[in-house]
Amino acid sequence: MGEKTNPPKKDEAARKERLAEALRANLQKRKAQTRSRRAGDADQRSEGLPAAGKMHKD
């Protein structure tokens, strides 16, 4: 029967590089979100959820 070979090390290095790039992009996006939240005004909505109305039984 056929034996499976281990993937070449080049593929593993490329995968690690892609993951590192994705992590950097995600970190930059999260930092930008945090900066925009700090720069913006506070929310004007009331705190909590509105109370639910009574359910109708037909």
Protein backbone atom coordinates (compact mmCIF):
# COMPACT_ATOMS: atom_id res chain seq x y z
CA MET A 1 0.00 0.00 0.00
CA GLY A 2 1.07 3.61 -0.44
CA GLU A 3 2.87 5.51 2.26
CA LYS A 4 2.00 9.09 2.99
CA THR A 5 4.93 11.47 2.91
CA ASN A 6 5.31 14.45 5.17
CA PRO A 7 4.66 17.80 3.48
CA PRO A 8 7.79 19.73 2.58
CA LYS A 9 9.10 22.23 5.10
CA LYS A 10 8.59 25.01 2.55
CA ASP A 11 4.80 24.62 2.86
CA GLU A 12 5.01 24.82 6.64
CA ALA A 13 7.08 28.01 6.47
CA ALA A 14 4.66 29.55 3.96
CA ARG A 15 1.72 28.66 6.22
CA LYS A 16 3.39 30.28 9.23
CA GLU A 17 4.09 33.40 7.16
CA ARG A 18 0.44 33.60 6.04
CA LEU A 19 -0.77 33.18 9.62
CA ALA A 20 1.63 35.86 10.84
CA GLU A 21 0.43 38.27 8.14
CA ALA A 22 -3.21 37.59 9.01
CA LEU A 23 -2.46 38.19 12.69
CA ARG A 24 -0.77 41.51 11.93
CA ALA A 25 -3.69 42.62 9.74
CA ASN A 26 -6.20 41.66 12.44
CA LEU A 27 -4.23 43.52 15.09
CA GLN A 28 -4.06 46.67 12.95
CA LYS A 29 -7.81 46.48 12.29
CA ARG A 30 -8.59 46.12 15.99
CA LYS A 31 -6.31 49.03 16.88
CA ALA A 32 -8.04 51.20 14.27
CA GLN A 33 -11.45 50.25 15.71
CA THR A 34 -10.29 51.17 19.22
CA ARG A 35 -8.92 54.53 18.04
CA SER A 36 -12.16 55.36 16.22
CA ARG A 37 -14.23 54.48 19.30
CA ARG A 38 -12.08 56.74 21.48
CA ALA A 39 -12.37 59.61 19.01
CA GLY A 40 -16.15 59.35 18.67
CA ASP A 41 -18.87 60.74 20.89
CA ALA A 42 -20.59 58.66 23.52
CA ASP A 43 -23.66 56.71 22.44
CA GLN A 44 -26.94 58.60 22.77
CA ARG A 45 -29.04 55.51 23.44
CA SER A 46 -30.66 54.74 26.75
CA GLU A 47 -29.13 52.04 28.87
CA GLY A 48 -30.60 48.55 28.82
CA LEU A 49 -33.28 46.98 26.70
CA PRO A 50 -36.83 48.32 26.41
CA ALA A 51 -39.45 46.37 28.34
CA ALA A 52 -41.41 43.86 26.32
CA GLY A 53 -45.14 44.44 25.90
CA LYS A 54 -47.71 41.96 27.11
CA MET A 55 -48.35 39.02 24.82
CA HIS A 56 -51.83 38.79 23.28
CA LYS A 57 -53.74 35.50 23.44
CA ASP A 58 -56.21 35.02 20.62
